[in-house]
PDB file of N, CA and C in Angstrom:
ATOM      1  N   GLN A   1      31.623  -2.414  -5.017  1.00  0.00           N
ATOM      2  CA  GLN A   1      30.545  -2.846  -4.151  1.00  0.00           C
ATOM      3  C   GLN A   1      30.019  -1.660  -3.354  1.00  0.00           C
ATOM      4  N   VAL A   2      28.720  -1.647  -3.136  1.00  0.00           N
ATOM      5  CA  VAL A   2      28.056  -0.615  -2.365  1.00  0.00           C
ATOM      6  C   VAL A   2      27.396  -1.253  -1.158  1.00  0.00           C
ATOM      7  N   GLN A   3      27.628  -0.677   0.011  1.00  0.00           N
ATOM      8  CA  GLN A   3      26.999  -1.132   1.242  1.00  0.00           C
ATOM      9  C   GLN A   3      26.034  -0.067   1.739  1.00  0.00           C
ATOM     10  N   LEU A   4      24.860  -0.492   2.191  1.00  0.00           N
ATOM     11  CA  LEU A   4      23.844   0.400   2.718  1.00  0.00           C
ATOM     12  C   LEU A   4      23.588   0.056   4.177  1.00  0.00           C
ATOM     13  N   VAL A   5      23.602   1.060   5.026  1.00  0.00           N
ATOM     14  CA  VAL A   5      23.377   0.869   6.450  1.00  0.00           C
ATOM     15  C   VAL A   5      22.259   1.784   6.906  1.00  0.00           C
ATOM     16  N   GLU A   6      21.195   1.194   7.460  1.00  0.00           N
ATOM     17  CA  GLU A   6      20.057   1.957   7.955  1.00  0.00           C
ATOM     18  C   GLU A   6      20.193   2.207   9.449  1.00  0.00           C
ATOM     19  N   SER A   7      19.561   3.273   9.899  1.00  0.00           N
ATOM     20  CA  SER A   7      19.504   3.580  11.314  1.00  0.00           C
ATOM     21  C   SER A   7      18.250   4.396  11.597  1.00  0.00           C
ATOM     22  N   GLY A   8      17.852   4.434  12.857  1.00  0.00           N
ATOM     23  CA  GLY A   8      16.743   5.272  13.268  1.00  0.00           C
ATOM     24  C   GLY A   8      15.458   4.543  13.589  1.00  0.00           C
ATOM     25  N   GLY A   9      15.412   3.248  13.366  1.00  0.00           N
ATOM     26  CA  GLY A   9      14.210   2.504  13.681  1.00  0.00           C
ATOM     27  C   GLY A   9      14.004   2.387  15.178  1.00  0.00           C
ATOM     28  N   GLY A  10      12.801   1.986  15.553  1.00  0.00           N
ATOM     29  CA  GLY A  10      12.500   1.831  16.957  1.00  0.00           C
ATOM     30  C   GLY A  10      11.015   1.734  17.215  1.00  0.00           C
ATOM     31  N   LEU A  11      10.647   1.936  18.470  1.00  0.00           N
ATOM     32  CA  LEU A  11       9.264   1.863  18.916  1.00  0.00           C
ATOM     33  C   LEU A  11       8.733   3.265  19.156  1.00  0.00           C
ATOM     34  N   VAL A  12       7.551   3.527  18.632  1.00  0.00           N
ATOM     35  CA  VAL A  12       6.932   4.840  18.783  1.00  0.00           C
ATOM     36  C   VAL A  12       5.426   4.661  18.916  1.00  0.00           C
ATOM     37  N   GLN A  13       4.784   5.566  19.633  1.00  0.00           N
ATOM     38  CA  GLN A  13       3.338   5.523  19.779  1.00  0.00           C
ATOM     39  C   GLN A  13       2.651   6.086  18.540  1.00  0.00           C
ATOM     40  N   ALA A  14       1.431   5.636  18.318  1.00  0.00           N
ATOM     41  CA  ALA A  14       0.652   6.160  17.209  1.00  0.00           C
ATOM     42  C   ALA A  14       0.553   7.673  17.293  1.00  0.00           C
ATOM     43  N   GLY A  15       0.707   8.315  16.149  1.00  0.00           N
ATOM     44  CA  GLY A  15       0.699   9.766  16.093  1.00  0.00           C
ATOM     45  C   GLY A  15       2.065  10.393  16.243  1.00  0.00           C
ATOM     46  N   GLY A  16       3.043   9.600  16.601  1.00  0.00           N
ATOM     47  CA  GLY A  16       4.385  10.107  16.794  1.00  0.00           C
ATOM     48  C   GLY A  16       5.172  10.191  15.509  1.00  0.00           C
ATOM     49  N   SER A  17       6.441  10.541  15.654  1.00  0.00           N
ATOM     50  CA  SER A  17       7.323  10.727  14.510  1.00  0.00           C
ATOM     51  C   SER A  17       8.609   9.943  14.696  1.00  0.00           C
ATOM     52  N   LEU A  18       9.237   9.637  13.581  1.00  0.00           N
ATOM     53  CA  LEU A  18      10.490   8.903  13.587  1.00  0.00           C
ATOM     54  C   LEU A  18      11.251   9.273  12.323  1.00  0.00           C
ATOM     55  N   ARG A  19      12.562   9.309  12.419  1.00  0.00           N
ATOM     56  CA  ARG A  19      13.399   9.641  11.273  1.00  0.00           C
ATOM     57  C   ARG A  19      14.374   8.512  10.998  1.00  0.00           C
ATOM     58  N   LEU A  20      14.316   7.975   9.794  1.00  0.00           N
ATOM     59  CA  LEU A  20      15.226   6.932   9.358  1.00  0.00           C
ATOM     60  C   LEU A  20      16.329   7.532   8.493  1.00  0.00           C
ATOM     61  N   SER A  21      17.513   6.958   8.600  1.00  0.00           N
ATOM     62  CA  SER A  21      18.641   7.400   7.797  1.00  0.00           C
ATOM     63  C   SER A  21      19.307   6.204   7.154  1.00  0.00           C
ATOM     64  N   CYS A  22      19.884   6.430   5.999  1.00  0.00           N
ATOM     65  CA  CYS A  22      20.613   5.394   5.285  1.00  0.00           C
ATOM     66  C   CYS A  22      21.859   6.008   4.677  1.00  0.00           C
ATOM     67  N   ALA A  23      22.979   5.356   4.893  1.00  0.00           N
ATOM     68  CA  ALA A  23      24.244   5.820   4.349  1.00  0.00           C
ATOM     69  C   ALA A  23      24.830   4.767   3.421  1.00  0.00           C
ATOM     70  N   ALA A  24      25.220   5.195   2.246  1.00  0.00           N
ATOM     71  CA  ALA A  24      25.860   4.310   1.281  1.00  0.00           C
ATOM     72  C   ALA A  24      27.369   4.494   1.341  1.00  0.00           C
ATOM     73  N   SER A  25      28.075   3.395   1.292  1.00  0.00           N
ATOM     74  CA  SER A  25      29.525   3.440   1.316  1.00  0.00           C
ATOM     75  C   SER A  25      30.091   2.458   0.302  1.00  0.00           C
ATOM     76  N   GLY A  26      31.375   2.594   0.031  1.00  0.00           N
ATOM     77  CA  GLY A  26      32.031   1.753  -0.947  1.00  0.00           C
ATOM     78  C   GLY A  26      32.532   2.577  -2.112  1.00  0.00           C
ATOM     79  N   ARG A  27      32.846   1.888  -3.178  1.00  0.00           N
ATOM     80  CA  ARG A  27      33.312   2.571  -4.377  1.00  0.00           C
ATOM     81  C   ARG A  27      32.096   2.994  -5.185  1.00  0.00           C
ATOM     82  N   ILE A  28      31.693   4.233  -4.976  1.00  0.00           N
ATOM     83  CA  ILE A  28      30.477   4.771  -5.584  1.00  0.00           C
ATOM     84  C   ILE A  28      30.840   5.822  -6.618  1.00  0.00           C
ATOM     85  N   PHE A  29      30.408   5.591  -7.827  1.00  0.00           N
ATOM     86  CA  PHE A  29      30.580   6.575  -8.877  1.00  0.00           C
ATOM     87  C   PHE A  29      29.305   7.386  -9.101  1.00  0.00           C
ATOM     88  N   LYS A  30      28.164   6.717  -9.022  1.00  0.00           N
ATOM     89  CA  LYS A  30      26.894   7.385  -9.209  1.00  0.00           C
ATOM     90  C   LYS A  30      25.771   6.502  -8.670  1.00  0.00           C
ATOM     91  N   ILE A  31      24.786   7.138  -8.044  1.00  0.00           N
ATOM     92  CA  ILE A  31      23.579   6.458  -7.612  1.00  0.00           C
ATOM     93  C   ILE A  31      22.395   7.123  -8.299  1.00  0.00           C
ATOM     94  N   ASP A  32      21.649   6.345  -9.056  1.00  0.00           N
ATOM     95  CA  ASP A  32      20.510   6.904  -9.772  1.00  0.00           C
ATOM     96  C   ASP A  32      19.376   7.258  -8.819  1.00  0.00           C
ATOM     97  N   THR A  33      18.957   6.307  -8.026  1.00  0.00           N
ATOM     98  CA  THR A  33      17.876   6.532  -7.069  1.00  0.00           C
ATOM     99  C   THR A  33      18.240   5.941  -5.716  1.00  0.00           C
ATOM    100  N   MET A  34      17.706   6.540  -4.672  1.00  0.00           N
ATOM    101  CA  MET A  34      17.795   6.008  -3.317  1.00  0.00           C
ATOM    102  C   MET A  34      16.415   6.108  -2.695  1.00  0.00           C
ATOM    103  N   GLY A  35      16.107   5.179  -1.818  1.00  0.00           N
ATOM    104  CA  GLY A  35      14.803   5.252  -1.198  1.00  0.00           C
ATOM    105  C   GLY A  35      14.565   4.156  -0.187  1.00  0.00           C
ATOM    106  N   TRP A  36      13.288   4.002   0.141  1.00  0.00           N
ATOM    107  CA  TRP A  36      12.879   3.100   1.197  1.00  0.00           C
ATOM    108  C   TRP A  36      11.727   2.229   0.754  1.00  0.00           C
ATOM    109  N   TYR A  37      11.800   0.969   1.129  1.00  0.00           N
ATOM    110  CA  TYR A  37      10.721   0.010   0.993  1.00  0.00           C
ATOM    111  C   TYR A  37      10.479  -0.600   2.363  1.00  0.00           C
ATOM    112  N   ARG A  38       9.313  -1.195   2.539  1.00  0.00           N
ATOM    113  CA  ARG A  38       9.018  -1.815   3.822  1.00  0.00           C
ATOM    114  C   ARG A  38       8.269  -3.126   3.612  1.00  0.00           C
ATOM    115  N   GLN A  39       8.388  -3.987   4.608  1.00  0.00           N
ATOM    116  CA  GLN A  39       7.715  -5.276   4.552  1.00  0.00           C
ATOM    117  C   GLN A  39       7.214  -5.646   5.941  1.00  0.00           C
ATOM    118  N   ALA A  40       5.917  -5.860   6.036  1.00  0.00           N
ATOM    119  CA  ALA A  40       5.297  -6.311   7.267  1.00  0.00           C
ATOM    120  C   ALA A  40       5.160  -7.823   7.230  1.00  0.00           C
ATOM    121  N   PRO A  41       5.052  -8.464   8.395  1.00  0.00           N
ATOM    122  CA  PRO A  41       4.913  -9.925   8.422  1.00  0.00           C
ATOM    123  C   PRO A  41       3.735 -10.401   7.588  1.00  0.00           C
ATOM    124  N   GLY A  42       3.988 -11.378   6.736  1.00  0.00           N
ATOM    125  CA  GLY A  42       2.943 -11.940   5.908  1.00  0.00           C
ATOM    126  C   GLY A  42       2.552 -11.109   4.710  1.00  0.00           C
ATOM    127  N   LYS A  43       3.234 -10.000   4.480  1.00  0.00           N
ATOM    128  CA  LYS A  43       2.906  -9.140   3.362  1.00  0.00           C
ATOM    129  C   LYS A  43       4.106  -8.971   2.441  1.00  0.00           C
ATOM    130  N   GLN A  44       3.823  -8.536   1.224  1.00  0.00           N
ATOM    131  CA  GLN A  44       4.879  -8.289   0.256  1.00  0.00           C
ATOM    132  C   GLN A  44       5.577  -6.963   0.543  1.00  0.00           C
ATOM    133  N   ARG A  45       6.801  -6.876   0.096  1.00  0.00           N
ATOM    134  CA  ARG A  45       7.531  -5.626   0.229  1.00  0.00           C
ATOM    135  C   ARG A  45       6.881  -4.563  -0.651  1.00  0.00           C
ATOM    136  N   GLU A  46       6.744  -3.358  -0.112  1.00  0.00           N
ATOM    137  CA  GLU A  46       6.082  -2.286  -0.836  1.00  0.00           C
ATOM    138  C   GLU A  46       6.922  -1.019  -0.830  1.00  0.00           C
ATOM    139  N   LEU A  47       6.682  -0.204  -1.836  1.00  0.00           N
ATOM    140  CA  LEU A  47       7.362   1.077  -1.946  1.00  0.00           C
ATOM    141  C   LEU A  47       6.901   2.023  -0.854  1.00  0.00           C
ATOM    142  N   VAL A  48       7.854   2.682  -0.207  1.00  0.00           N
ATOM    143  CA  VAL A  48       7.549   3.760   0.718  1.00  0.00           C
ATOM    144  C   VAL A  48       7.811   5.097   0.029  1.00  0.00           C
ATOM    145  N   ALA A  49       9.047   5.320  -0.375  1.00  0.00           N
ATOM    146  CA  ALA A  49       9.413   6.546  -1.065  1.00  0.00           C
ATOM    147  C   ALA A  49      10.773   6.372  -1.709  1.00  0.00           C
ATOM    148  N   VAL A  50      10.957   6.981  -2.859  1.00  0.00           N
ATOM    149  CA  VAL A  50      12.252   6.996  -3.530  1.00  0.00           C
ATOM    150  C   VAL A  50      12.507   8.390  -4.068  1.00  0.00           C
ATOM    151  N   VAL A  51      13.770   8.727  -4.209  1.00  0.00           N
ATOM    152  CA  VAL A  51      14.161  10.015  -4.756  1.00  0.00           C
ATOM    153  C   VAL A  51      15.282   9.790  -5.761  1.00  0.00           C
ATOM    154  N   ALA A  52      15.155  10.404  -6.923  1.00  0.00           N
ATOM    155  CA  ALA A  52      16.157  10.291  -7.966  1.00  0.00           C
ATOM    156  C   ALA A  52      17.262  11.317  -7.754  1.00  0.00           C
ATOM    157  N   SER A  53      18.316  11.198  -8.539  1.00  0.00           N
ATOM    158  CA  SER A  53      19.451  12.100  -8.390  1.00  0.00           C
ATOM    159  C   SER A  53      19.099  13.540  -8.729  1.00  0.00           C
ATOM    160  N   ASP A  54      18.056  13.744  -9.530  1.00  0.00           N
ATOM    161  CA  ASP A  54      17.630  15.098  -9.868  1.00  0.00           C
ATOM    162  C   ASP A  54      16.667  15.688  -8.847  1.00  0.00           C
ATOM    163  N   GLY A  55      16.358  14.940  -7.795  1.00  0.00           N
ATOM    164  CA  GLY A  55      15.496  15.423  -6.741  1.00  0.00           C
ATOM    165  C   GLY A  55      14.042  15.024  -6.856  1.00  0.00           C
ATOM    166  N   SER A  56      13.643  14.423  -7.939  1.00  0.00           N
ATOM    167  CA  SER A  56      12.258  14.005  -8.094  1.00  0.00           C
ATOM    168  C   SER A  56      11.939  12.866  -7.135  1.00  0.00           C
ATOM    169  N   THR A  57      10.718  12.856  -6.616  1.00  0.00           N
ATOM    170  CA  THR A  57      10.325  11.885  -5.602  1.00  0.00           C
ATOM    171  C   THR A  57       9.086  11.124  -6.013  1.00  0.00           C
ATOM    172  N   THR A  58       8.969   9.928  -5.460  1.00  0.00           N
ATOM    173  CA  THR A  58       7.797   9.095  -5.640  1.00  0.00           C
ATOM    174  C   THR A  58       7.449   8.494  -4.290  1.00  0.00           C
ATOM    175  N   TYR A  59       6.175   8.597  -3.901  1.00  0.00           N
ATOM    176  CA  TYR A  59       5.715   8.080  -2.625  1.00  0.00           C
ATOM    177  C   TYR A  59       4.663   7.011  -2.821  1.00  0.00           C
ATOM    178  N   GLY A  60       4.679   6.038  -1.926  1.00  0.00           N
ATOM    179  CA  GLY A  60       3.595   5.084  -1.896  1.00  0.00           C
ATOM    180  C   GLY A  60       2.316   5.757  -1.439  1.00  0.00           C
ATOM    181  N   ASP A  61       1.188   5.273  -1.942  1.00  0.00           N
ATOM    182  CA  ASP A  61      -0.089   5.914  -1.634  1.00  0.00           C
ATOM    183  C   ASP A  61      -0.376   5.958  -0.137  1.00  0.00           C
ATOM    184  N   SER A  62       0.023   4.947   0.591  1.00  0.00           N
ATOM    185  CA  SER A  62      -0.308   4.860   2.000  1.00  0.00           C
ATOM    186  C   SER A  62       0.461   5.842   2.874  1.00  0.00           C
ATOM    187  N   VAL A  63       1.513   6.462   2.354  1.00  0.00           N
ATOM    188  CA  VAL A  63       2.332   7.354   3.172  1.00  0.00           C
ATOM    189  C   VAL A  63       2.324   8.791   2.670  1.00  0.00           C
ATOM    190  N   LYS A  64       1.665   9.056   1.574  1.00  0.00           N
ATOM    191  CA  LYS A  64       1.630  10.416   1.034  1.00  0.00           C
ATOM    192  C   LYS A  64       1.040  11.382   2.050  1.00  0.00           C
ATOM    193  N   GLY A  65       1.713  12.503   2.222  1.00  0.00           N
ATOM    194  CA  GLY A  65       1.268  13.508   3.165  1.00  0.00           C
ATOM    195  C   GLY A  65       1.767  13.304   4.572  1.00  0.00           C
ATOM    196  N   ARG A  66       2.337  12.146   4.864  1.00  0.00           N
ATOM    197  CA  ARG A  66       2.831  11.850   6.207  1.00  0.00           C
ATOM    198  C   ARG A  66       4.340  11.663   6.256  1.00  0.00           C
ATOM    199  N   PHE A  67       4.909  11.119   5.192  1.00  0.00           N
ATOM    200  CA  PHE A  67       6.342  10.862   5.140  1.00  0.00           C
ATOM    201  C   PHE A  67       7.005  11.817   4.157  1.00  0.00           C
ATOM    202  N   THR A  68       8.249  12.165   4.437  1.00  0.00           N
ATOM    203  CA  THR A  68       9.025  13.018   3.556  1.00  0.00           C
ATOM    204  C   THR A  68      10.409  12.422   3.366  1.00  0.00           C
ATOM    205  N   ILE A  69      10.813  12.262   2.115  1.00  0.00           N
ATOM    206  CA  ILE A  69      12.124  11.714   1.822  1.00  0.00           C
ATOM    207  C   ILE A  69      13.059  12.840   1.394  1.00  0.00           C
ATOM    208  N   SER A  70      14.310  12.726   1.761  1.00  0.00           N
ATOM    209  CA  SER A  70      15.312  13.701   1.367  1.00  0.00           C
ATOM    210  C   SER A  70      16.617  12.984   1.066  1.00  0.00           C
ATOM    211  N   ARG A  71      17.446  13.624   0.258  1.00  0.00           N
ATOM    212  CA  ARG A  71      18.681  12.983  -0.196  1.00  0.00           C
ATOM    213  C   ARG A  71      19.798  13.999  -0.277  1.00  0.00           C
ATOM    214  N   ASP A  72      20.982  13.564   0.104  1.00  0.00           N
ATOM    215  CA  ASP A  72      22.187  14.359  -0.029  1.00  0.00           C
ATOM    216  C   ASP A  72      23.101  13.611  -0.988  1.00  0.00           C
ATOM    217  N   ASN A  73      23.161  14.071  -2.221  1.00  0.00           N
ATOM    218  CA  ASN A  73      23.943  13.375  -3.238  1.00  0.00           C
ATOM    219  C   ASN A  73      25.437  13.364  -2.911  1.00  0.00           C
ATOM    220  N   ALA A  74      25.930  14.457  -2.358  1.00  0.00           N
ATOM    221  CA  ALA A  74      27.350  14.550  -2.053  1.00  0.00           C
ATOM    222  C   ALA A  74      27.767  13.562  -0.980  1.00  0.00           C
ATOM    223  N   LYS A  75      26.883  13.316  -0.009  1.00  0.00           N
ATOM    224  CA  LYS A  75      27.192  12.413   1.091  1.00  0.00           C
ATOM    225  C   LYS A  75      26.666  10.999   0.872  1.00  0.00           C
ATOM    226  N   ASN A  76      25.929  10.803  -0.211  1.00  0.00           N
ATOM    227  CA  ASN A  76      25.337   9.497  -0.511  1.00  0.00           C
ATOM    228  C   ASN A  76      24.481   8.990   0.646  1.00  0.00           C
ATOM    229  N   THR A  77      23.628   9.855   1.129  1.00  0.00           N
ATOM    230  CA  THR A  77      22.710   9.494   2.202  1.00  0.00           C
ATOM    231  C   THR A  77      21.281   9.816   1.797  1.00  0.00           C
ATOM    232  N   VAL A  78      20.352   9.118   2.411  1.00  0.00           N
ATOM    233  CA  VAL A  78      18.940   9.377   2.202  1.00  0.00           C
ATOM    234  C   VAL A  78      18.242   9.251   3.549  1.00  0.00           C
ATOM    235  N   ASN A  79      17.285  10.132   3.791  1.00  0.00           N
ATOM    236  CA  ASN A  79      16.547  10.144   5.047  1.00  0.00           C
ATOM    237  C   ASN A  79      15.059  10.017   4.780  1.00  0.00           C
ATOM    238  N   LEU A  80      14.361   9.526   5.775  1.00  0.00           N
ATOM    239  CA  LEU A  80      12.909   9.411   5.695  1.00  0.00           C
ATOM    240  C   LEU A  80      12.326   9.950   6.986  1.00  0.00           C
ATOM    241  N   GLN A  81      11.660  11.089   6.898  1.00  0.00           N
ATOM    242  CA  GLN A  81      10.981  11.669   8.044  1.00  0.00           C
ATOM    243  C   GLN A  81       9.552  11.162   8.069  1.00  0.00           C
ATOM    244  N   MET A  82       9.206  10.433   9.107  1.00  0.00           N
ATOM    245  CA  MET A  82       7.897   9.829   9.230  1.00  0.00           C
ATOM    246  C   MET A  82       7.116  10.529  10.334  1.00  0.00           C
ATOM    247  N   SER A  83       5.937  11.018   9.992  1.00  0.00           N
ATOM    248  CA  SER A  83       5.077  11.707  10.940  1.00  0.00           C
ATOM    249  C   SER A  83       3.700  11.065  10.930  1.00  0.00           C
ATOM    250  N   SER A  84       2.924  11.369  11.965  1.00  0.00           N
ATOM    251  CA  SER A  84       1.571  10.821  12.092  1.00  0.00           C
ATOM    252  C   SER A  84       1.572   9.311  11.899  1.00  0.00           C
ATOM    253  N   LEU A  85       2.490   8.661  12.563  1.00  0.00           N
ATOM    254  CA  LEU A  85       2.647   7.220  12.387  1.00  0.00           C
ATOM    255  C   LEU A  85       1.424   6.465  12.893  1.00  0.00           C
ATOM    256  N   GLU A  86       1.124   5.394  12.205  1.00  0.00           N
ATOM    257  CA  GLU A  86      -0.011   4.540  12.509  1.00  0.00           C
ATOM    258  C   GLU A  86       0.471   3.119  12.743  1.00  0.00           C
ATOM    259  N   PRO A  87      -0.307   2.315  13.485  1.00  0.00           N
ATOM    260  CA  PRO A  87       0.105   0.916  13.677  1.00  0.00           C
ATOM    261  C   PRO A  87       0.333   0.180  12.364  1.00  0.00           C
ATOM    262  N   GLU A  88      -0.379   0.562  11.322  1.00  0.00           N
ATOM    263  CA  GLU A  88      -0.208  -0.057  10.015  1.00  0.00           C
ATOM    264  C   GLU A  88       1.150   0.226   9.395  1.00  0.00           C
ATOM    265  N   ASP A  89       1.879   1.189   9.934  1.00  0.00           N
ATOM    266  CA  ASP A  89       3.220   1.482   9.444  1.00  0.00           C
ATOM    267  C   ASP A  89       4.263   0.526  10.009  1.00  0.00           C
ATOM    268  N   THR A  90       3.880  -0.313  10.938  1.00  0.00           N
ATOM    269  CA  THR A  90       4.808  -1.263  11.534  1.00  0.00           C
ATOM    270  C   THR A  90       5.340  -2.213  10.469  1.00  0.00           C
ATOM    271  N   ALA A  91       6.652  -2.269  10.335  1.00  0.00           N
ATOM    272  CA  ALA A  91       7.287  -3.096   9.317  1.00  0.00           C
ATOM    273  C   ALA A  91       8.794  -2.994   9.460  1.00  0.00           C
ATOM    274  N   VAL A  92       9.487  -3.819   8.709  1.00  0.00           N
ATOM    275  CA  VAL A  92      10.922  -3.658   8.541  1.00  0.00           C
ATOM    276  C   VAL A  92      11.133  -2.745   7.345  1.00  0.00           C
ATOM    277  N   TYR A  93      11.881  -1.688   7.545  1.00  0.00           N
ATOM    278  CA  TYR A  93      12.132  -0.713   6.500  1.00  0.00           C
ATOM    279  C   TYR A  93      13.517  -0.937   5.915  1.00  0.00           C
ATOM    280  N   TYR A  94      13.566  -1.057   4.593  1.00  0.00           N
ATOM    281  CA  TYR A  94      14.798  -1.363   3.888  1.00  0.00           C
ATOM    282  C   TYR A  94      15.235  -0.189   3.021  1.00  0.00           C
ATOM    283  N   CYS A  95      16.489   0.152   3.116  1.00  0.00           N
ATOM    284  CA  CYS A  95      17.065   1.157   2.235  1.00  0.00           C
ATOM    285  C   CYS A  95      17.424   0.518   0.902  1.00  0.00           C
ATOM    286  N   ASN A  96      17.228   1.262  -0.163  1.00  0.00           N
ATOM    287  CA  ASN A  96      17.498   0.777  -1.507  1.00  0.00           C
ATOM    288  C   ASN A  96      18.273   1.822  -2.292  1.00  0.00           C
ATOM    289  N   ALA A  97      19.212   1.362  -3.100  1.00  0.00           N
ATOM    290  CA  ALA A  97      19.946   2.240  -4.000  1.00  0.00           C
ATOM    291  C   ALA A  97      20.115   1.550  -5.336  1.00  0.00           C
ATOM    292  N   VAL A  98      19.994   2.320  -6.395  1.00  0.00           N
ATOM    293  CA  VAL A  98      20.126   1.797  -7.749  1.00  0.00           C
ATOM    294  C   VAL A  98      21.241   2.545  -8.450  1.00  0.00           C
ATOM    295  N   THR A  99      22.178   1.794  -9.011  1.00  0.00           N
ATOM    296  CA  THR A  99      23.320   2.380  -9.700  1.00  0.00           C
ATOM    297  C   THR A  99      23.336   1.937 -11.152  1.00  0.00           C
ATOM    298  N   PRO A 100      23.889   2.764 -12.022  1.00  0.00           N
ATOM    299  CA  PRO A 100      23.946   2.375 -13.433  1.00  0.00           C
ATOM    300  C   PRO A 100      25.017   1.327 -13.684  1.00  0.00           C
ATOM    301  N   ARG A 101      24.754   0.454 -14.621  1.00  0.00           N
ATOM    302  CA  ARG A 101      25.725  -0.532 -15.089  1.00  0.00           C
ATOM    303  C   ARG A 101      25.978  -0.294 -16.573  1.00  0.00           C
ATOM    304  N   LEU A 102      25.683  -1.282 -17.386  1.00  0.00           N
ATOM    305  CA  LEU A 102      25.791  -1.099 -18.823  1.00  0.00           C
ATOM    306  C   LEU A 102      24.590  -0.307 -19.321  1.00  0.00           C
ATOM    307  N   ILE A 103      24.636   0.064 -20.587  1.00  0.00           N
ATOM    308  CA  ILE A 103      23.521   0.788 -21.185  1.00  0.00           C
ATOM    309  C   ILE A 103      22.223   0.008 -20.970  1.00  0.00           C
ATOM    310  N   ALA A 104      21.226   0.702 -20.437  1.00  0.00           N
ATOM    311  CA  ALA A 104      19.890   0.154 -20.209  1.00  0.00           C
ATOM    312  C   ALA A 104      19.851  -0.913 -19.111  1.00  0.00           C
ATOM    313  N   THR A 105      20.883  -0.967 -18.272  1.00  0.00           N
ATOM    314  CA  THR A 105      20.878  -1.890 -17.147  1.00  0.00           C
ATOM    315  C   THR A 105      21.236  -1.141 -15.865  1.00  0.00           C
ATOM    316  N   THR A 106      20.776  -1.678 -14.735  1.00  0.00           N
ATOM    317  CA  THR A 106      21.058  -1.093 -13.428  1.00  0.00           C
ATOM    318  C   THR A 106      21.380  -2.182 -12.424  1.00  0.00           C
ATOM    319  N   GLN A 107      21.975  -1.776 -11.306  1.00  0.00           N
ATOM    320  CA  GLN A 107      22.279  -2.675 -10.204  1.00  0.00           C
ATOM    321  C   GLN A 107      21.592  -2.151  -8.953  1.00  0.00           C
ATOM    322  N   ALA A 108      20.837  -3.006  -8.293  1.00  0.00           N
ATOM    323  CA  ALA A 108      20.133  -2.626  -7.079  1.00  0.00           C
ATOM    324  C   ALA A 108      20.852  -3.154  -5.847  1.00  0.00           C
ATOM    325  N   TYR A 109      20.910  -2.332  -4.809  1.00  0.00           N
ATOM    326  CA  TYR A 109      21.501  -2.708  -3.536  1.00  0.00           C
ATOM    327  C   TYR A 109      20.468  -2.519  -2.435  1.00  0.00           C
ATOM    328  N   TRP A 110      20.563  -3.352  -1.409  1.00  0.00           N
ATOM    329  CA  TRP A 110      19.623  -3.319  -0.298  1.00  0.00           C
ATOM    330  C   TRP A 110      20.357  -3.332   1.033  1.00  0.00           C
ATOM    331  N   GLY A 111      19.845  -2.575   1.986  1.00  0.00           N
ATOM    332  CA  GLY A 111      20.345  -2.652   3.340  1.00  0.00           C
ATOM    333  C   GLY A 111      19.749  -3.837   4.070  1.00  0.00           C
ATOM    334  N   GLN A 112      20.179  -4.039   5.303  1.00  0.00           N
ATOM    335  CA  GLN A 112      19.700  -5.155   6.101  1.00  0.00           C
ATOM    336  C   GLN A 112      18.321  -4.911   6.694  1.00  0.00           C
ATOM    337  N   GLY A 113      17.894  -3.677   6.750  1.00  0.00           N
ATOM    338  CA  GLY A 113      16.584  -3.341   7.271  1.00  0.00           C
ATOM    339  C   GLY A 113      16.637  -2.863   8.707  1.00  0.00           C
ATOM    340  N   THR A 114      15.680  -2.023   9.063  1.00  0.00           N
ATOM    341  CA  THR A 114      15.541  -1.542  10.426  1.00  0.00           C
ATOM    342  C   THR A 114      14.075  -1.637  10.824  1.00  0.00           C
ATOM    343  N   GLN A 115      13.827  -2.140  12.021  1.00  0.00           N
ATOM    344  CA  GLN A 115      12.462  -2.383  12.478  1.00  0.00           C
ATOM    345  C   GLN A 115      11.818  -1.096  12.979  1.00  0.00           C
ATOM    346  N   VAL A 116      10.614  -0.839  12.497  1.00  0.00           N
ATOM    347  CA  VAL A 116       9.786   0.253  12.991  1.00  0.00           C
ATOM    348  C   VAL A 116       8.511  -0.351  13.550  1.00  0.00           C
ATOM    349  N   THR A 117       8.231  -0.082  14.810  1.00  0.00           N
ATOM    350  CA  THR A 117       7.037  -0.591  15.461  1.00  0.00           C
ATOM    351  C   THR A 117       6.233   0.576  16.015  1.00  0.00           C
ATOM    352  N   VAL A 118       4.974   0.655  15.617  1.00  0.00           N
ATOM    353  CA  VAL A 118       4.082   1.719  16.059  1.00  0.00           C
ATOM    354  C   VAL A 118       3.006   1.097  16.933  1.00  0.00           C
ATOM    355  N   SER A 119       2.946   1.508  18.172  1.00  0.00           N
ATOM    356  CA  SER A 119       1.981   0.972  19.111  1.00  0.00           C
ATOM    357  C   SER A 119       0.734   1.839  19.145  1.00  0.00           C
ATOM    358  N   SER A 120      -0.400   1.197  19.417  1.00  0.00           N
ATOM    359  CA  SER A 120      -1.665   1.914  19.497  1.00  0.00           C
ATOM    360  C   SER A 120      -2.006   2.300  20.919  1.00  0.00           C
TER     361      SER A 120
END
């Protein structure tokens, strides 16, 4: 079993910065990808950023140029540096990790989420 714990959420003014962290624990042999998704009230969960074990990254269109994701494979942690925050960034941010299972299958894990609120 893999447990994900997020930290770093809070209240920030528009234009400010915030750093989210996620730590994976448990019996971990390998994590293919780690990253962040977010969900605002009344909206679907959307991709924020993910990073694969080889370092390749994928960002959601709405955060490109403002957010930066980083990963420490040895420590099984992933961080999200958020800059130039906007009220539209207000959401619950969820950490995600994907691990390999059988051939051509994967297992996804989710954290409990951390609230990010950006005031105008």
